[in-house]
Amino acid sequence: ATPPVTFTAPVATPKSAKAAAPAPRTHTVKQGDIPATIARQHGVKLEALLAANPHLDPKRMKIGQTVNLPAP
């Protein structure tokens, strides 16, 4: 009698969440920038941009300031 043949499928190895973490996206404020134009320029919703920058005061933005960009 021959032993039964078994088939095994290759097992996918889960990727580490740390290895696939995207780099954070930012925008450096230039003269004339306001949150709405920054959001439009980067293809994100204004509400999402403001949520990603809770301490951002649109009236006190300074040239050279870094603004966090949410995922599109």
C-alpha atoms as a PDB file:
ATOM      1  CA  ALA A   1       0.000   0.000   0.000  1.00  0.00           C
ATOM      2  CA  THR A   2       1.232   3.468  -0.839  1.00  0.00           C
ATOM      3  CA  PRO A   3       0.969   6.268   1.710  1.00  0.00           C
ATOM      4  CA  PRO A   4      -1.650   8.950   0.972  1.00  0.00           C
ATOM      5  CA  VAL A   5      -0.417  12.045  -0.884  1.00  0.00           C
ATOM      6  CA  THR A   6      -1.028  15.384   0.777  1.00  0.00           C
ATOM      7  CA  PHE A   7      -0.774  18.792  -0.808  1.00  0.00           C
ATOM      8  CA  THR A   8       0.060  21.942   1.103  1.00  0.00           C
ATOM      9  CA  ALA A   9      -0.412  25.453  -0.180  1.00  0.00           C
ATOM     10  CA  PRO A  10       2.355  27.982   0.377  1.00  0.00           C
ATOM     11  CA  VAL A  11       1.724  30.078   3.464  1.00  0.00           C
ATOM     12  CA  ALA A  12       1.880  33.847   2.996  1.00  0.00           C
ATOM     13  CA  THR A  13       3.977  35.596   5.577  1.00  0.00           C
ATOM     14  CA  PRO A  14       2.228  38.620   7.049  1.00  0.00           C
ATOM     15  CA  LYS A  15       4.050  41.893   6.486  1.00  0.00           C
ATOM     16  CA  SER A  16       4.991  43.934   9.485  1.00  0.00           C
ATOM     17  CA  ALA A  17       2.973  47.140   9.870  1.00  0.00           C
ATOM     18  CA  LYS A  18       6.192  48.989  10.669  1.00  0.00           C
ATOM     19  CA  ALA A  19       7.830  47.969   7.401  1.00  0.00           C
ATOM     20  CA  ALA A  20       4.964  49.357   5.310  1.00  0.00           C
ATOM     21  CA  ALA A  21       4.454  52.635   7.202  1.00  0.00           C
ATOM     22  CA  PRO A  22       4.382  55.498   4.703  1.00  0.00           C
ATOM     23  CA  ALA A  23       6.432  58.593   5.398  1.00  0.00           C
ATOM     24  CA  PRO A  24       4.341  61.493   6.670  1.00  0.00           C
ATOM     25  CA  ARG A  25       3.537  64.109   4.044  1.00  0.00           C
ATOM     26  CA  THR A  26       3.967  67.782   4.811  1.00  0.00           C
ATOM     27  CA  HIS A  27       3.648  71.162   3.105  1.00  0.00           C
ATOM     28  CA  THR A  28       5.846  74.171   3.832  1.00  0.00           C
ATOM     29  CA  VAL A  29       3.812  77.363   3.894  1.00  0.00           C
ATOM     30  CA  LYS A  30       4.673  79.905   1.194  1.00  0.00           C
ATOM     31  CA  GLN A  31       3.577  83.515   0.851  1.00  0.00           C
ATOM     32  CA  GLY A  32      -0.136  83.711   0.079  1.00  0.00           C
ATOM     33  CA  ASP A  33      -0.926  80.141   1.233  1.00  0.00           C
ATOM     34  CA  ILE A  34      -4.196  79.569   3.054  1.00  0.00           C
ATOM     35  CA  PRO A  35      -5.573  76.198   4.200  1.00  0.00           C
ATOM     36  CA  ALA A  36      -8.039  75.990   1.299  1.00  0.00           C
ATOM     37  CA  THR A  37      -5.350  76.454  -1.365  1.00  0.00           C
ATOM     38  CA  ILE A  38      -3.005  74.001   0.366  1.00  0.00           C
ATOM     39  CA  ALA A  39      -5.790  71.388   0.502  1.00  0.00           C
ATOM     40  CA  ARG A  40      -6.689  71.931  -3.165  1.00  0.00           C
ATOM     41  CA  GLN A  41      -3.018  71.817  -4.241  1.00  0.00           C
ATOM     42  CA  HIS A  42      -2.522  68.422  -2.559  1.00  0.00           C
ATOM     43  CA  GLY A  43      -5.912  66.920  -3.437  1.00  0.00           C
ATOM     44  CA  VAL A  44      -7.251  66.629   0.112  1.00  0.00           C
ATOM     45  CA  LYS A  45     -10.439  67.937   1.684  1.00  0.00           C
ATOM     46  CA  LEU A  46     -10.123  71.136   3.699  1.00  0.00           C
ATOM     47  CA  GLU A  47     -11.811  69.450   6.671  1.00  0.00           C
ATOM     48  CA  ALA A  48      -9.233  66.625   6.585  1.00  0.00           C
ATOM     49  CA  LEU A  49      -6.353  69.119   6.414  1.00  0.00           C
ATOM     50  CA  LEU A  50      -7.687  71.030   9.414  1.00  0.00           C
ATOM     51  CA  ALA A  51      -8.274  67.770  11.335  1.00  0.00           C
ATOM     52  CA  ALA A  52      -4.646  66.742  10.679  1.00  0.00           C
ATOM     53  CA  ASN A  53      -3.508  70.109  12.095  1.00  0.00           C
ATOM     54  CA  PRO A  54      -5.689  70.798  15.154  1.00  0.00           C
ATOM     55  CA  HIS A  55      -3.506  73.690  16.361  1.00  0.00           C
ATOM     56  CA  LEU A  56      -3.357  75.418  12.966  1.00  0.00           C
ATOM     57  CA  ASP A  57      -4.654  78.988  13.093  1.00  0.00           C
ATOM     58  CA  PRO A  58      -5.293  80.094   9.482  1.00  0.00           C
ATOM     59  CA  LYS A  59      -4.907  83.755  10.500  1.00  0.00           C
ATOM     60  CA  ARG A  60      -1.481  83.165  12.073  1.00  0.00           C
ATOM     61  CA  MET A  61       0.193  80.963   9.445  1.00  0.00           C
ATOM     62  CA  LYS A  62       3.823  81.919   8.831  1.00  0.00           C
ATOM     63  CA  ILE A  63       6.019  81.439   5.794  1.00  0.00           C
ATOM     64  CA  GLY A  64       8.190  78.350   6.378  1.00  0.00           C
ATOM     65  CA  GLN A  65       5.686  76.755   8.779  1.00  0.00           C
ATOM     66  CA  THR A  66       5.153  73.016   8.230  1.00  0.00           C
ATOM     67  CA  VAL A  67       1.601  71.713   7.803  1.00  0.00           C
ATOM     68  CA  ASN A  68       0.778  68.000   8.037  1.00  0.00           C
ATOM     69  CA  LEU A  69      -1.058  66.563   5.023  1.00  0.00           C
ATOM     70  CA  PRO A  70      -3.622  63.779   5.496  1.00  0.00           C
ATOM     71  CA  ALA A  71      -3.734  60.826   3.141  1.00  0.00           C
ATOM     72  CA  PRO A  72      -5.581  61.724  -0.080  1.00  0.00           C
END
